[in-house]
Amino acid sequence: MRYLHIDLLSTTPANETDELQCVINARILYSSCVDEAKIETDGFLPVLSVLETEFGGWPILQGSSWNGSTFSLSNLLLKLRQYNYNIIFRINTDVDEKNSSSTDIAVSEINS
């Protein structure tokens, strides 16, 4: 049996308007990861920018310029959760075993 190998990530189709958004997003992510020249040129500045704009900065990197009065741990944890990063707690949803039309929300600690 022969398989047709289609490279969805590194090739751009002639008509991208028919592409699924998830494939387009995967292609963008893939191309950003393999563009080593851009990674070397940009360095760590994009990561610092995300730390500053999305998470309120990082005191270790900002030193005396970090403003602790605007920092909120609860906002940081919520933002990390939006990125699906569980640092202190985990939130899961499951179908209730006794009532399949109901959903349980479980909040638990992260075990190392």
PDB file of N, CA and C in Angstrom:
ATOM      1  N   MET A   1       0.831  -1.164   0.000  1.00  0.00           N
ATOM      2  CA  MET A   1       0.000   0.000   0.000  1.00  0.00           C
ATOM      3  C   MET A   1       0.887   1.243   0.000  1.00  0.00           C
ATOM      4  N   ARG A   2       0.600   2.185  -0.870  1.00  0.00           N
ATOM      5  CA  ARG A   2       1.363   3.434  -0.942  1.00  0.00           C
ATOM      6  C   ARG A   2       0.588   4.541  -0.234  1.00  0.00           C
ATOM      7  N   TYR A   3       1.326   5.367   0.473  1.00  0.00           N
ATOM      8  CA  TYR A   3       0.716   6.500   1.164  1.00  0.00           C
ATOM      9  C   TYR A   3       1.171   7.783   0.496  1.00  0.00           C
ATOM     10  N   LEU A   4       0.261   8.688   0.360  1.00  0.00           N
ATOM     11  CA  LEU A   4       0.578  10.002  -0.179  1.00  0.00           C
ATOM     12  C   LEU A   4       0.971  10.901   0.979  1.00  0.00           C
ATOM     13  N   HIS A   5       2.169  11.405   0.934  1.00  0.00           N
ATOM     14  CA  HIS A   5       2.665  12.278   1.995  1.00  0.00           C
ATOM     15  C   HIS A   5       2.328  13.717   1.639  1.00  0.00           C
ATOM     16  N   ILE A   6       1.540  14.345   2.476  1.00  0.00           N
ATOM     17  CA  ILE A   6       1.176  15.749   2.273  1.00  0.00           C
ATOM     18  C   ILE A   6       1.778  16.544   3.417  1.00  0.00           C
ATOM     19  N   ASP A   7       2.582  17.495   3.081  1.00  0.00           N
ATOM     20  CA  ASP A   7       3.217  18.344   4.085  1.00  0.00           C
ATOM     21  C   ASP A   7       2.341  19.574   4.300  1.00  0.00           C
ATOM     22  N   LEU A   8       1.469  19.510   5.296  1.00  0.00           N
ATOM     23  CA  LEU A   8       0.531  20.603   5.560  1.00  0.00           C
ATOM     24  C   LEU A   8       1.202  21.833   6.160  1.00  0.00           C
ATOM     25  N   LEU A   9       2.316  21.629   6.863  1.00  0.00           N
ATOM     26  CA  LEU A   9       2.888  22.722   7.619  1.00  0.00           C
ATOM     27  C   LEU A   9       3.887  23.584   6.855  1.00  0.00           C
ATOM     28  N   SER A  10       4.674  22.990   6.007  1.00  0.00           N
ATOM     29  CA  SER A  10       5.722  23.785   5.353  1.00  0.00           C
ATOM     30  C   SER A  10       5.369  24.228   3.938  1.00  0.00           C
ATOM     31  N   THR A  11       4.214  23.834   3.448  1.00  0.00           N
ATOM     32  CA  THR A  11       3.811  24.278   2.114  1.00  0.00           C
ATOM     33  C   THR A  11       2.539  25.111   2.215  1.00  0.00           C
ATOM     34  N   THR A  12       2.438  26.110   1.375  1.00  0.00           N
ATOM     35  CA  THR A  12       1.255  26.956   1.337  1.00  0.00           C
ATOM     36  C   THR A  12       0.445  26.590   0.110  1.00  0.00           C
ATOM     37  N   PRO A  13      -0.824  26.271   0.283  1.00  0.00           N
ATOM     38  CA  PRO A  13      -1.639  25.892  -0.871  1.00  0.00           C
ATOM     39  C   PRO A  13      -1.921  27.095  -1.768  1.00  0.00           C
ATOM     40  N   ALA A  14      -2.283  26.816  -3.006  1.00  0.00           N
ATOM     41  CA  ALA A  14      -2.596  27.891  -3.953  1.00  0.00           C
ATOM     42  C   ALA A  14      -3.795  28.699  -3.496  1.00  0.00           C
ATOM     43  N   ASN A  15      -4.777  28.040  -2.893  1.00  0.00           N
ATOM     44  CA  ASN A  15      -5.979  28.731  -2.446  1.00  0.00           C
ATOM     45  C   ASN A  15      -6.145  28.509  -0.949  1.00  0.00           C
ATOM     46  N   GLU A  16      -5.614  29.437  -0.151  1.00  0.00           N
ATOM     47  CA  GLU A  16      -5.639  29.280   1.299  1.00  0.00           C
ATOM     48  C   GLU A  16      -7.009  29.615   1.888  1.00  0.00           C
ATOM     49  N   THR A  17      -7.910  30.186   1.108  1.00  0.00           N
ATOM     50  CA  THR A  17      -9.224  30.541   1.633  1.00  0.00           C
ATOM     51  C   THR A  17     -10.058  29.317   1.980  1.00  0.00           C
ATOM     52  N   ASP A  18      -9.742  28.168   1.395  1.00  0.00           N
ATOM     53  CA  ASP A  18     -10.473  26.944   1.688  1.00  0.00           C
ATOM     54  C   ASP A  18      -9.868  26.166   2.860  1.00  0.00           C
ATOM     55  N   GLU A  19      -8.768  26.670   3.416  1.00  0.00           N
ATOM     56  CA  GLU A  19      -8.085  25.975   4.498  1.00  0.00           C
ATOM     57  C   GLU A  19      -8.834  26.149   5.821  1.00  0.00           C
ATOM     58  N   LEU A  20      -8.762  25.130   6.652  1.00  0.00           N
ATOM     59  CA  LEU A  20      -9.298  25.235   8.005  1.00  0.00           C
ATOM     60  C   LEU A  20      -8.420  26.184   8.809  1.00  0.00           C
ATOM     61  N   GLN A  21      -9.026  26.958   9.706  1.00  0.00           N
ATOM     62  CA  GLN A  21      -8.271  27.910  10.513  1.00  0.00           C
ATOM     63  C   GLN A  21      -7.231  27.206  11.385  1.00  0.00           C
ATOM     64  N   CYS A  22      -7.535  26.009  11.868  1.00  0.00           N
ATOM     65  CA  CYS A  22      -6.572  25.290  12.703  1.00  0.00           C
ATOM     66  C   CYS A  22      -5.317  24.916  11.904  1.00  0.00           C
ATOM     67  N   VAL A  23      -5.469  24.600  10.619  1.00  0.00           N
ATOM     68  CA  VAL A  23      -4.313  24.274   9.772  1.00  0.00           C
ATOM     69  C   VAL A  23      -3.497  25.539   9.513  1.00  0.00           C
ATOM     70  N   ILE A  24      -4.170  26.648   9.261  1.00  0.00           N
ATOM     71  CA  ILE A  24      -3.474  27.923   9.044  1.00  0.00           C
ATOM     72  C   ILE A  24      -2.690  28.298  10.293  1.00  0.00           C
ATOM     73  N   ASN A  25      -3.313  28.175  11.471  1.00  0.00           N
ATOM     74  CA  ASN A  25      -2.627  28.499  12.729  1.00  0.00           C
ATOM     75  C   ASN A  25      -1.435  27.581  12.968  1.00  0.00           C
ATOM     76  N   ALA A  26      -1.601  26.290  12.680  1.00  0.00           N
ATOM     77  CA  ALA A  26      -0.488  25.345  12.847  1.00  0.00           C
ATOM     78  C   ALA A  26       0.656  25.694  11.907  1.00  0.00           C
ATOM     79  N   ARG A  27       0.335  26.108  10.684  1.00  0.00           N
ATOM     80  CA  ARG A  27       1.356  26.497   9.712  1.00  0.00           C
ATOM     81  C   ARG A  27       2.125  27.739  10.190  1.00  0.00           C
ATOM     82  N   ILE A  28       1.409  28.708  10.743  1.00  0.00           N
ATOM     83  CA  ILE A  28       2.053  29.928  11.269  1.00  0.00           C
ATOM     84  C   ILE A  28       2.985  29.571  12.426  1.00  0.00           C
ATOM     85  N   LEU A  29       2.504  28.741  13.345  1.00  0.00           N
ATOM     86  CA  LEU A  29       3.331  28.336  14.480  1.00  0.00           C
ATOM     87  C   LEU A  29       4.563  27.571  14.012  1.00  0.00           C
ATOM     88  N   TYR A  30       4.377  26.635  13.096  1.00  0.00           N
ATOM     89  CA  TYR A  30       5.492  25.851  12.579  1.00  0.00           C
ATOM     90  C   TYR A  30       6.539  26.755  11.921  1.00  0.00           C
ATOM     91  N   SER A  31       6.089  27.674  11.083  1.00  0.00           N
ATOM     92  CA  SER A  31       7.051  28.528  10.377  1.00  0.00           C
ATOM     93  C   SER A  31       7.804  29.431  11.347  1.00  0.00           C
ATOM     94  N   SER A  32       7.145  29.854  12.424  1.00  0.00           N
ATOM     95  CA  SER A  32       7.848  30.691  13.398  1.00  0.00           C
ATOM     96  C   SER A  32       8.888  29.892  14.177  1.00  0.00           C
ATOM     97  N   CYS A  33       8.680  28.592  14.304  1.00  0.00           N
ATOM     98  CA  CYS A  33       9.634  27.746  15.031  1.00  0.00           C
ATOM     99  C   CYS A  33      10.839  27.348  14.190  1.00  0.00           C
ATOM    100  N   VAL A  34      10.678  27.255  12.888  1.00  0.00           N
ATOM    101  CA  VAL A  34      11.778  26.797  12.048  1.00  0.00           C
ATOM    102  C   VAL A  34      12.558  27.935  11.401  1.00  0.00           C
ATOM    103  N   ASP A  35      12.124  29.156  11.596  1.00  0.00           N
ATOM    104  CA  ASP A  35      12.834  30.312  11.030  1.00  0.00           C
ATOM    105  C   ASP A  35      13.979  30.691  11.973  1.00  0.00           C
ATOM    106  N   GLU A  36      15.064  29.928  11.901  1.00  0.00           N
ATOM    107  CA  GLU A  36      16.180  30.108  12.823  1.00  0.00           C
ATOM    108  C   GLU A  36      16.848  31.469  12.690  1.00  0.00           C
ATOM    109  N   ALA A  37      16.896  32.019  11.495  1.00  0.00           N
ATOM    110  CA  ALA A  37      17.509  33.337  11.305  1.00  0.00           C
ATOM    111  C   ALA A  37      16.726  34.397  12.073  1.00  0.00           C
ATOM    112  N   LYS A  38      15.405  34.353  12.008  1.00  0.00           N
ATOM    113  CA  LYS A  38      14.582  35.323  12.732  1.00  0.00           C
ATOM    114  C   LYS A  38      14.697  35.122  14.238  1.00  0.00           C
ATOM    115  N   ILE A  39      14.753  33.857  14.661  1.00  0.00           N
ATOM    116  CA  ILE A  39      14.909  33.569  16.086  1.00  0.00           C
ATOM    117  C   ILE A  39      16.222  34.159  16.592  1.00  0.00           C
ATOM    118  N   GLU A  40      17.303  33.977  15.829  1.00  0.00           N
ATOM    119  CA  GLU A  40      18.602  34.528  16.222  1.00  0.00           C
ATOM    120  C   GLU A  40      18.593  36.052  16.213  1.00  0.00           C
ATOM    121  N   THR A  41      17.925  36.651  15.231  1.00  0.00           N
ATOM    122  CA  THR A  41      17.863  38.110  15.136  1.00  0.00           C
ATOM    123  C   THR A  41      17.055  38.706  16.283  1.00  0.00           C
ATOM    124  N   ASP A  42      15.888  38.123  16.549  1.00  0.00           N
ATOM    125  CA  ASP A  42      15.002  38.652  17.594  1.00  0.00           C
ATOM    126  C   ASP A  42      15.517  38.366  18.999  1.00  0.00           C
ATOM    127  N   GLY A  43      16.226  37.259  19.163  1.00  0.00           N
ATOM    128  CA  GLY A  43      16.729  36.893  20.483  1.00  0.00           C
ATOM    129  C   GLY A  43      15.601  36.634  21.454  1.00  0.00           C
ATOM    130  N   PHE A  44      15.762  37.102  22.674  1.00  0.00           N
ATOM    131  CA  PHE A  44      14.771  36.850  23.709  1.00  0.00           C
ATOM    132  C   PHE A  44      13.779  38.002  23.868  1.00  0.00           C
ATOM    133  N   LEU A  45      13.865  39.031  23.027  1.00  0.00           N
ATOM    134  CA  LEU A  45      12.981  40.186  23.158  1.00  0.00           C
ATOM    135  C   LEU A  45      11.491  39.840  23.034  1.00  0.00           C
ATOM    136  N   PRO A  46      11.082  38.952  22.124  1.00  0.00           N
ATOM    137  CA  PRO A  46       9.648  38.602  22.082  1.00  0.00           C
ATOM    138  C   PRO A  46       9.148  37.964  23.390  1.00  0.00           C
ATOM    139  N   VAL A  47       9.992  37.147  24.014  1.00  0.00           N
ATOM    140  CA  VAL A  47       9.604  36.524  25.277  1.00  0.00           C
ATOM    141  C   VAL A  47       9.469  37.583  26.364  1.00  0.00           C
ATOM    142  N   LEU A  48      10.406  38.514  26.425  1.00  0.00           N
ATOM    143  CA  LEU A  48      10.327  39.595  27.405  1.00  0.00           C
ATOM    144  C   LEU A  48       9.089  40.446  27.186  1.00  0.00           C
ATOM    145  N   SER A  49       8.750  40.679  25.930  1.00  0.00           N
ATOM    146  CA  SER A  49       7.566  41.470  25.611  1.00  0.00           C
ATOM    147  C   SER A  49       6.292  40.789  26.120  1.00  0.00           C
ATOM    148  N   VAL A  50       6.189  39.480  25.914  1.00  0.00           N
ATOM    149  CA  VAL A  50       5.021  38.746  26.403  1.00  0.00           C
ATOM    150  C   VAL A  50       4.985  38.759  27.925  1.00  0.00           C
ATOM    151  N   LEU A  51       6.143  38.579  28.554  1.00  0.00           N
ATOM    152  CA  LEU A  51       6.197  38.636  30.016  1.00  0.00           C
ATOM    153  C   LEU A  51       5.691  39.978  30.533  1.00  0.00           C
ATOM    154  N   GLU A  52       6.074  41.037  29.860  1.00  0.00           N
ATOM    155  CA  GLU A  52       5.686  42.379  30.292  1.00  0.00           C
ATOM    156  C   GLU A  52       4.210  42.669  30.011  1.00  0.00           C
ATOM    157  N   THR A  53       3.771  42.423  28.791  1.00  0.00           N
ATOM    158  CA  THR A  53       2.417  42.809  28.413  1.00  0.00           C
ATOM    159  C   THR A  53       1.348  41.846  28.917  1.00  0.00           C
ATOM    160  N   GLU A  54       1.641  40.560  28.936  1.00  0.00           N
ATOM    161  CA  GLU A  54       0.630  39.575  29.320  1.00  0.00           C
ATOM    162  C   GLU A  54       0.636  39.235  30.808  1.00  0.00           C
ATOM    163  N   PHE A  55       1.821  39.229  31.417  1.00  0.00           N
ATOM    164  CA  PHE A  55       1.933  38.736  32.785  1.00  0.00           C
ATOM    165  C   PHE A  55       2.363  39.785  33.809  1.00  0.00           C
ATOM    166  N   GLY A  56       2.503  41.011  33.407  1.00  0.00           N
ATOM    167  CA  GLY A  56       2.840  42.065  34.364  1.00  0.00           C
ATOM    168  C   GLY A  56       4.310  42.144  34.730  1.00  0.00           C
ATOM    169  N   GLY A  57       5.173  41.573  33.910  1.00  0.00           N
ATOM    170  CA  GLY A  57       6.611  41.652  34.162  1.00  0.00           C
ATOM    171  C   GLY A  57       7.120  40.518  35.025  1.00  0.00           C
ATOM    172  N   TRP A  58       8.434  40.533  35.211  1.00  0.00           N
ATOM    173  CA  TRP A  58       9.092  39.512  36.023  1.00  0.00           C
ATOM    174  C   TRP A  58      10.171  40.220  36.838  1.00  0.00           C
ATOM    175  N   PRO A  59      10.027  40.267  38.161  1.00  0.00           N
ATOM    176  CA  PRO A  59      10.944  41.058  38.993  1.00  0.00           C
ATOM    177  C   PRO A  59      12.410  40.689  38.836  1.00  0.00           C
ATOM    178  N   ILE A  60      12.704  39.423  38.594  1.00  0.00           N
ATOM    179  CA  ILE A  60      14.093  38.993  38.465  1.00  0.00           C
ATOM    180  C   ILE A  60      14.754  39.676  37.273  1.00  0.00           C
ATOM    181  N   LEU A  61      13.997  39.846  36.189  1.00  0.00           N
ATOM    182  CA  LEU A  61      14.550  40.462  34.988  1.00  0.00           C
ATOM    183  C   LEU A  61      14.493  41.982  35.022  1.00  0.00           C
ATOM    184  N   GLN A  62      13.504  42.542  35.691  1.00  0.00           N
ATOM    185  CA  GLN A  62      13.330  43.990  35.673  1.00  0.00           C
ATOM    186  C   GLN A  62      14.062  44.699  36.802  1.00  0.00           C
ATOM    187  N   GLY A  63      14.447  43.968  37.820  1.00  0.00           N
ATOM    188  CA  GLY A  63      15.191  44.565  38.918  1.00  0.00           C
ATOM    189  C   GLY A  63      14.427  45.687  39.590  1.00  0.00           C
ATOM    190  N   SER A  64      15.088  46.798  39.819  1.00  0.00           N
ATOM    191  CA  SER A  64      14.477  47.909  40.550  1.00  0.00           C
ATOM    192  C   SER A  64      13.392  48.627  39.755  1.00  0.00           C
ATOM    193  N   SER A  65      13.312  48.390  38.453  1.00  0.00           N
ATOM    194  CA  SER A  65      12.269  49.050  37.660  1.00  0.00           C
ATOM    195  C   SER A  65      10.920  48.329  37.740  1.00  0.00           C
ATOM    196  N   TRP A  66      10.880  47.140  38.368  1.00  0.00           N
ATOM    197  CA  TRP A  66       9.628  46.402  38.489  1.00  0.00           C
ATOM    198  C   TRP A  66       8.714  47.108  39.472  1.00  0.00           C
ATOM    199  N   ASN A  67       7.450  47.254  39.107  1.00  0.00           N
ATOM    200  CA  ASN A  67       6.477  47.935  39.951  1.00  0.00           C
ATOM    201  C   ASN A  67       5.573  46.895  40.599  1.00  0.00           C
ATOM    202  N   GLY A  68       5.874  46.563  41.838  1.00  0.00           N
ATOM    203  CA  GLY A  68       5.111  45.554  42.554  1.00  0.00           C
ATOM    204  C   GLY A  68       3.713  45.996  42.924  1.00  0.00           C
ATOM    205  N   SER A  69       3.444  47.302  42.931  1.00  0.00           N
ATOM    206  CA  SER A  69       2.114  47.776  43.311  1.00  0.00           C
ATOM    207  C   SER A  69       1.056  47.432  42.266  1.00  0.00           C
ATOM    208  N   THR A  70       1.464  47.176  41.042  1.00  0.00           N
ATOM    209  CA  THR A  70       0.499  46.836  39.993  1.00  0.00           C
ATOM    210  C   THR A  70       0.403  45.329  39.766  1.00  0.00           C
ATOM    211  N   PHE A  71       1.186  44.551  40.514  1.00  0.00           N
ATOM    212  CA  PHE A  71       1.209  43.106  40.350  1.00  0.00           C
ATOM    213  C   PHE A  71       0.054  42.466  41.114  1.00  0.00           C
ATOM    214  N   SER A  72      -0.613  41.512  40.489  1.00  0.00           N
ATOM    215  CA  SER A  72      -1.698  40.785  41.129  1.00  0.00           C
ATOM    216  C   SER A  72      -1.484  39.295  40.881  1.00  0.00           C
ATOM    217  N   LEU A  73      -1.257  38.544  41.947  1.00  0.00           N
ATOM    218  CA  LEU A  73      -1.043  37.104  41.810  1.00  0.00           C
ATOM    219  C   LEU A  73      -2.274  36.427  41.219  1.00  0.00           C
ATOM    220  N   SER A  74      -3.449  36.817  41.649  1.00  0.00           N
ATOM    221  CA  SER A  74      -4.659  36.185  41.116  1.00  0.00           C
ATOM    222  C   SER A  74      -4.800  36.445  39.615  1.00  0.00           C
ATOM    223  N   ASN A  75      -4.481  37.654  39.161  1.00  0.00           N
ATOM    224  CA  ASN A  75      -4.523  37.938  37.723  1.00  0.00           C
ATOM    225  C   ASN A  75      -3.476  37.128  36.968  1.00  0.00           C
ATOM    226  N   LEU A  76      -2.294  36.970  37.551  1.00  0.00           N
ATOM    227  CA  LEU A  76      -1.246  36.171  36.922  1.00  0.00           C
ATOM    228  C   LEU A  76      -1.691  34.717  36.780  1.00  0.00           C
ATOM    229  N   LEU A  77      -2.259  34.148  37.837  1.00  0.00           N
ATOM    230  CA  LEU A  77      -2.705  32.758  37.785  1.00  0.00           C
ATOM    231  C   LEU A  77      -3.826  32.573  36.771  1.00  0.00           C
ATOM    232  N   LEU A  78      -4.732  33.532  36.690  1.00  0.00           N
ATOM    233  CA  LEU A  78      -5.803  33.454  35.692  1.00  0.00           C
ATOM    234  C   LEU A  78      -5.238  33.542  34.276  1.00  0.00           C
ATOM    235  N   LYS A  79      -4.272  34.431  34.076  1.00  0.00           N
ATOM    236  CA  LYS A  79      -3.672  34.578  32.748  1.00  0.00           C
ATOM    237  C   LYS A  79      -2.919  33.304  32.360  1.00  0.00           C
ATOM    238  N   LEU A  80      -2.178  32.719  33.294  1.00  0.00           N
ATOM    239  CA  LEU A  80      -1.479  31.463  33.023  1.00  0.00           C
ATOM    240  C   LEU A  80      -2.468  30.359  32.680  1.00  0.00           C
ATOM    241  N   ARG A  81      -3.616  30.365  33.343  1.00  0.00           N
ATOM    242  CA  ARG A  81      -4.646  29.370  33.056  1.00  0.00           C
ATOM    243  C   ARG A  81      -5.186  29.542  31.642  1.00  0.00           C
ATOM    244  N   GLN A  82      -5.294  30.787  31.170  1.00  0.00           N
ATOM    245  CA  GLN A  82      -5.743  31.035  29.802  1.00  0.00           C
ATOM    246  C   GLN A  82      -4.783  30.417  28.794  1.00  0.00           C
ATOM    247  N   TYR A  83      -3.511  30.352  29.144  1.00  0.00           N
ATOM    248  CA  TYR A  83      -2.511  29.726  28.290  1.00  0.00           C
ATOM    249  C   TYR A  83      -2.397  28.232  28.563  1.00  0.00           C
ATOM    250  N   ASN A  84      -3.322  27.699  29.379  1.00  0.00           N
ATOM    251  CA  ASN A  84      -3.358  26.288  29.727  1.00  0.00           C
ATOM    252  C   ASN A  84      -2.097  25.848  30.471  1.00  0.00           C
ATOM    253  N   TYR A  85      -1.580  26.752  31.288  1.00  0.00           N
ATOM    254  CA  TYR A  85      -0.390  26.441  32.065  1.00  0.00           C
ATOM    255  C   TYR A  85      -0.791  26.394  33.535  1.00  0.00           C
ATOM    256  N   ASN A  86      -0.765  25.214  34.115  1.00  0.00           N
ATOM    257  CA  ASN A  86      -1.157  25.018  35.509  1.00  0.00           C
ATOM    258  C   ASN A  86       0.084  25.060  36.384  1.00  0.00           C
ATOM    259  N   ILE A  87       0.258  26.146  37.122  1.00  0.00           N
ATOM    260  CA  ILE A  87       1.476  26.284  37.905  1.00  0.00           C
ATOM    261  C   ILE A  87       1.254  25.935  39.380  1.00  0.00           C
ATOM    262  N   ILE A  88       0.098  26.282  39.931  1.00  0.00           N
ATOM    263  CA  ILE A  88      -0.180  26.009  41.336  1.00  0.00           C
ATOM    264  C   ILE A  88      -1.396  25.106  41.484  1.00  0.00           C
ATOM    265  N   PHE A  89      -2.374  25.310  40.632  1.00  0.00           N
ATOM    266  CA  PHE A  89      -3.593  24.513  40.708  1.00  0.00           C
ATOM    267  C   PHE A  89      -4.006  24.051  39.317  1.00  0.00           C
ATOM    268  N   ARG A  90      -4.883  23.085  39.304  1.00  0.00           N
ATOM    269  CA  ARG A  90      -5.374  22.520  38.051  1.00  0.00           C
ATOM    270  C   ARG A  90      -6.895  22.598  38.076  1.00  0.00           C
ATOM    271  N   ILE A  91      -7.494  22.908  36.945  1.00  0.00           N
ATOM    272  CA  ILE A  91      -8.945  22.925  36.825  1.00  0.00           C
ATOM    273  C   ILE A  91      -9.324  21.940  35.729  1.00  0.00           C
ATOM    274  N   ASN A  92     -10.175  21.001  36.074  1.00  0.00           N
ATOM    275  CA  ASN A  92     -10.654  20.002  35.122  1.00  0.00           C
ATOM    276  C   ASN A  92     -12.172  19.985  35.131  1.00  0.00           C
ATOM    277  N   THR A  93     -12.748  19.546  34.049  1.00  0.00           N
ATOM    278  CA  THR A  93     -14.188  19.314  34.008  1.00  0.00           C
ATOM    279  C   THR A  93     -14.415  17.857  33.623  1.00  0.00           C
ATOM    280  N   ASP A  94     -15.389  17.247  34.248  1.00  0.00           N
ATOM    281  CA  ASP A  94     -15.742  15.853  33.979  1.00  0.00           C
ATOM    282  C   ASP A  94     -17.256  15.725  34.001  1.00  0.00           C
ATOM    283  N   VAL A  95     -17.754  14.757  33.284  1.00  0.00           N
ATOM    284  CA  VAL A  95     -19.174  14.448  33.352  1.00  0.00           C
ATOM    285  C   VAL A  95     -19.443  13.785  34.689  1.00  0.00           C
ATOM    286  N   ASP A  96     -20.489  14.238  35.367  1.00  0.00           N
ATOM    287  CA  ASP A  96     -20.874  13.669  36.655  1.00  0.00           C
ATOM    288  C   ASP A  96     -21.228  12.194  36.460  1.00  0.00           C
ATOM    289  N   GLU A  97     -20.599  11.313  37.244  1.00  0.00           N
ATOM    290  CA  GLU A  97     -20.830   9.874  37.097  1.00  0.00           C
ATOM    291  C   GLU A  97     -22.255   9.468  37.459  1.00  0.00           C
ATOM    292  N   LYS A  98     -22.906  10.223  38.334  1.00  0.00           N
ATOM    293  CA  LYS A  98     -24.262   9.884  38.771  1.00  0.00           C
ATOM    294  C   LYS A  98     -25.330  10.540  37.901  1.00  0.00           C
ATOM    295  N   ASN A  99     -24.933  11.611  37.177  1.00  0.00           N
ATOM    296  CA  ASN A  99     -25.894  12.330  36.345  1.00  0.00           C
ATOM    297  C   ASN A  99     -25.169  12.800  35.093  1.00  0.00           C
ATOM    298  N   SER A 100     -25.289  12.064  34.011  1.00  0.00           N
ATOM    299  CA  SER A 100     -24.518  12.358  32.799  1.00  0.00           C
ATOM    300  C   SER A 100     -24.906  13.675  32.129  1.00  0.00           C
ATOM    301  N   SER A 101     -26.005  14.286  32.534  1.00  0.00           N
ATOM    302  CA  SER A 101     -26.375  15.583  31.965  1.00  0.00           C
ATOM    303  C   SER A 101     -25.746  16.734  32.742  1.00  0.00           C
ATOM    304  N   SER A 102     -24.980  16.405  33.778  1.00  0.00           N
ATOM    305  CA  SER A 102     -24.334  17.407  34.613  1.00  0.00           C
ATOM    306  C   SER A 102     -22.814  17.304  34.486  1.00  0.00           C
ATOM    307  N   THR A 103     -22.156  18.425  34.654  1.00  0.00           N
ATOM    308  CA  THR A 103     -20.694  18.471  34.566  1.00  0.00           C
ATOM    309  C   THR A 103     -20.116  18.915  35.899  1.00  0.00           C
ATOM    310  N   ASP A 104     -19.080  18.231  36.335  1.00  0.00           N
ATOM    311  CA  ASP A 104     -18.361  18.605  37.552  1.00  0.00           C
ATOM    312  C   ASP A 104     -17.151  19.451  37.189  1.00  0.00           C
ATOM    313  N   ILE A 105     -16.858  20.448  38.001  1.00  0.00           N
ATOM    314  CA  ILE A 105     -15.642  21.230  37.875  1.00  0.00           C
ATOM    315  C   ILE A 105     -14.772  20.883  39.072  1.00  0.00           C
ATOM    316  N   ALA A 106     -13.558  20.437  38.825  1.00  0.00           N
ATOM    317  CA  ALA A 106     -12.644  20.044  39.896  1.00  0.00           C
ATOM    318  C   ALA A 106     -11.441  20.975  39.902  1.00  0.00           C
ATOM    319  N   VAL A 107     -11.166  21.548  41.070  1.00  0.00           N
ATOM    320  CA  VAL A 107      -9.980  22.360  41.273  1.00  0.00           C
ATOM    321  C   VAL A 107      -9.095  21.595  42.240  1.00  0.00           C
ATOM    322  N   SER A 108      -7.845  21.340  41.848  1.00  0.00           N
ATOM    323  CA  SER A 108      -6.957  20.559  42.691  1.00  0.00           C
ATOM    324  C   SER A 108      -5.547  21.113  42.642  1.00  0.00           C
ATOM    325  N   GLU A 109      -4.753  20.710  43.625  1.00  0.00           N
ATOM    326  CA  GLU A 109      -3.365  21.141  43.655  1.00  0.00           C
ATOM    327  C   GLU A 109      -2.544  20.354  42.633  1.00  0.00           C
ATOM    328  N   ILE A 110      -1.436  20.929  42.250  1.00  0.00           N
ATOM    329  CA  ILE A 110      -0.503  20.266  41.327  1.00  0.00           C
ATOM    330  C   ILE A 110       0.455  19.436  42.180  1.00  0.00           C
ATOM    331  N   ASN A 111       0.529  18.171  41.886  1.00  0.00           N
ATOM    332  CA  ASN A 111       1.484  17.286  42.581  1.00  0.00           C
ATOM    333  C   ASN A 111       2.704  17.121  41.710  1.00  0.00           C
ATOM    334  N   SER A 112       3.857  17.307  42.301  1.00  0.00           N
ATOM    335  CA  SER A 112       5.082  17.168  41.516  1.00  0.00           C
ATOM    336  C   SER A 112       5.532  15.749  41.409  1.00  0.00           C
TER     337      SER A 112
END
